[in-house]
Amino acid sequence: MKYAIIKVINGNYSIHAEGITVLTNAKTQFHGLCQTLWNAPDVISATVKIVDENLDCVEDYKECITHTAQT
């Protein structure tokens, strides 16, 4: 099974990583990305998810990040 980490940041979709064959590695990258997004001042909203080859969420690894806009 191969895994990917997908993300939507401020409405922009992209693949963070793909072709990951070891789930533990995908989880590590997932947590690192989430930490970065939680600390990023320019991120208003983001969703990060680990998906399998069928685009199904893996083990509920989905994080929704929301910050209020800074004025």
C-alpha atoms as a PDB file:
ATOM      1  CA  MET A   1       0.000   0.000   0.000  1.00  0.00           C
ATOM      2  CA  LYS A   2       1.205   3.492  -0.800  1.00  0.00           C
ATOM      3  CA  TYR A   3       0.217   6.600   1.114  1.00  0.00           C
ATOM      4  CA  ALA A   4       0.077  10.315   0.382  1.00  0.00           C
ATOM      5  CA  ILE A   5      -0.313  13.429   2.475  1.00  0.00           C
ATOM      6  CA  ILE A   6      -2.681  15.944   0.962  1.00  0.00           C
ATOM      7  CA  LYS A   7      -3.315  19.468   2.157  1.00  0.00           C
ATOM      8  CA  VAL A   8      -5.565  22.433   1.562  1.00  0.00           C
ATOM      9  CA  ILE A   9      -4.104  25.713   2.781  1.00  0.00           C
ATOM     10  CA  ASN A  10      -6.204  28.865   2.540  1.00  0.00           C
ATOM     11  CA  GLY A  11      -8.249  27.181  -0.193  1.00  0.00           C
ATOM     12  CA  ASN A  12      -5.289  25.929  -2.260  1.00  0.00           C
ATOM     13  CA  TYR A  13      -5.052  22.160  -2.775  1.00  0.00           C
ATOM     14  CA  SER A  14      -1.740  20.314  -3.130  1.00  0.00           C
ATOM     15  CA  ILE A  15       0.010  17.037  -2.442  1.00  0.00           C
ATOM     16  CA  HIS A  16       2.600  17.396   0.298  1.00  0.00           C
ATOM     17  CA  ALA A  17       4.126  13.926  -0.189  1.00  0.00           C
ATOM     18  CA  GLU A  18       3.234  10.810  -2.162  1.00  0.00           C
ATOM     19  CA  GLY A  19       4.468   7.286  -2.743  1.00  0.00           C
ATOM     20  CA  ILE A  20       5.158   6.699   0.955  1.00  0.00           C
ATOM     21  CA  THR A  21       5.292   2.948   1.554  1.00  0.00           C
ATOM     22  CA  VAL A  22       5.768   2.888   5.345  1.00  0.00           C
ATOM     23  CA  LEU A  23       2.791   4.201   7.307  1.00  0.00           C
ATOM     24  CA  THR A  24       4.989   5.268  10.251  1.00  0.00           C
ATOM     25  CA  ASN A  25       6.883   7.598   7.899  1.00  0.00           C
ATOM     26  CA  ALA A  26       3.624   9.082   6.644  1.00  0.00           C
ATOM     27  CA  LYS A  27       2.492   9.717  10.222  1.00  0.00           C
ATOM     28  CA  THR A  28       5.779  11.444  11.078  1.00  0.00           C
ATOM     29  CA  GLN A  29       5.544  13.708   8.039  1.00  0.00           C
ATOM     30  CA  PHE A  30       1.868  14.397   8.806  1.00  0.00           C
ATOM     31  CA  HIS A  31       2.643  15.566  12.343  1.00  0.00           C
ATOM     32  CA  GLY A  32       5.564  17.698  11.167  1.00  0.00           C
ATOM     33  CA  LEU A  33       3.426  19.424   8.550  1.00  0.00           C
ATOM     34  CA  CYS A  34       0.602  20.026  11.031  1.00  0.00           C
ATOM     35  CA  GLN A  35       3.026  21.562  13.519  1.00  0.00           C
ATOM     36  CA  THR A  36       4.388  23.868  10.826  1.00  0.00           C
ATOM     37  CA  LEU A  37       0.902  24.959   9.770  1.00  0.00           C
ATOM     38  CA  TRP A  38      -0.243  25.588  13.349  1.00  0.00           C
ATOM     39  CA  ASN A  39       2.746  27.924  13.773  1.00  0.00           C
ATOM     40  CA  ALA A  40       2.501  29.673  10.393  1.00  0.00           C
ATOM     41  CA  PRO A  41       1.162  33.233  10.767  1.00  0.00           C
ATOM     42  CA  ASP A  42      -0.126  33.361   7.168  1.00  0.00           C
ATOM     43  CA  VAL A  43      -2.315  30.243   7.471  1.00  0.00           C
ATOM     44  CA  ILE A  44      -5.955  31.154   8.060  1.00  0.00           C
ATOM     45  CA  SER A  45      -7.300  27.647   7.470  1.00  0.00           C
ATOM     46  CA  ALA A  46      -5.797  24.312   6.521  1.00  0.00           C
ATOM     47  CA  THR A  47      -6.716  20.662   6.347  1.00  0.00           C
ATOM     48  CA  VAL A  48      -4.133  17.886   6.221  1.00  0.00           C
ATOM     49  CA  LYS A  49      -4.922  14.244   5.608  1.00  0.00           C
ATOM     50  CA  ILE A  50      -3.135  10.922   5.095  1.00  0.00           C
ATOM     51  CA  VAL A  51      -4.814   8.993   2.295  1.00  0.00           C
ATOM     52  CA  ASP A  52      -4.278   5.586   0.749  1.00  0.00           C
ATOM     53  CA  GLU A  53      -4.292   4.631  -2.943  1.00  0.00           C
ATOM     54  CA  ASN A  54      -8.107   4.874  -2.969  1.00  0.00           C
ATOM     55  CA  LEU A  55      -8.038   8.395  -1.453  1.00  0.00           C
ATOM     56  CA  ASP A  56      -9.540   7.006   1.758  1.00  0.00           C
ATOM     57  CA  CYS A  57      -8.435   8.607   5.011  1.00  0.00           C
ATOM     58  CA  VAL A  58      -5.988   6.356   6.865  1.00  0.00           C
ATOM     59  CA  GLU A  59      -6.657   5.703  10.574  1.00  0.00           C
ATOM     60  CA  ASP A  60      -8.519   9.027  10.941  1.00  0.00           C
ATOM     61  CA  TYR A  61      -5.347  11.030  10.255  1.00  0.00           C
ATOM     62  CA  LYS A  62      -7.057  14.309   9.400  1.00  0.00           C
ATOM     63  CA  GLU A  63      -6.267  17.641  11.015  1.00  0.00           C
ATOM     64  CA  CYS A  64      -8.257  20.855  10.584  1.00  0.00           C
ATOM     65  CA  ILE A  65      -6.351  24.027  11.453  1.00  0.00           C
ATOM     66  CA  THR A  66      -8.100  27.369  11.872  1.00  0.00           C
ATOM     67  CA  HIS A  67      -6.683  30.725  12.888  1.00  0.00           C
ATOM     68  CA  THR A  68      -8.510  34.006  13.122  1.00  0.00           C
ATOM     69  CA  ALA A  69      -7.272  36.591  10.653  1.00  0.00           C
ATOM     70  CA  GLN A  70      -4.737  39.034  12.101  1.00  0.00           C
ATOM     71  CA  THR A  71      -5.537  42.697  11.464  1.00  0.00           C
END
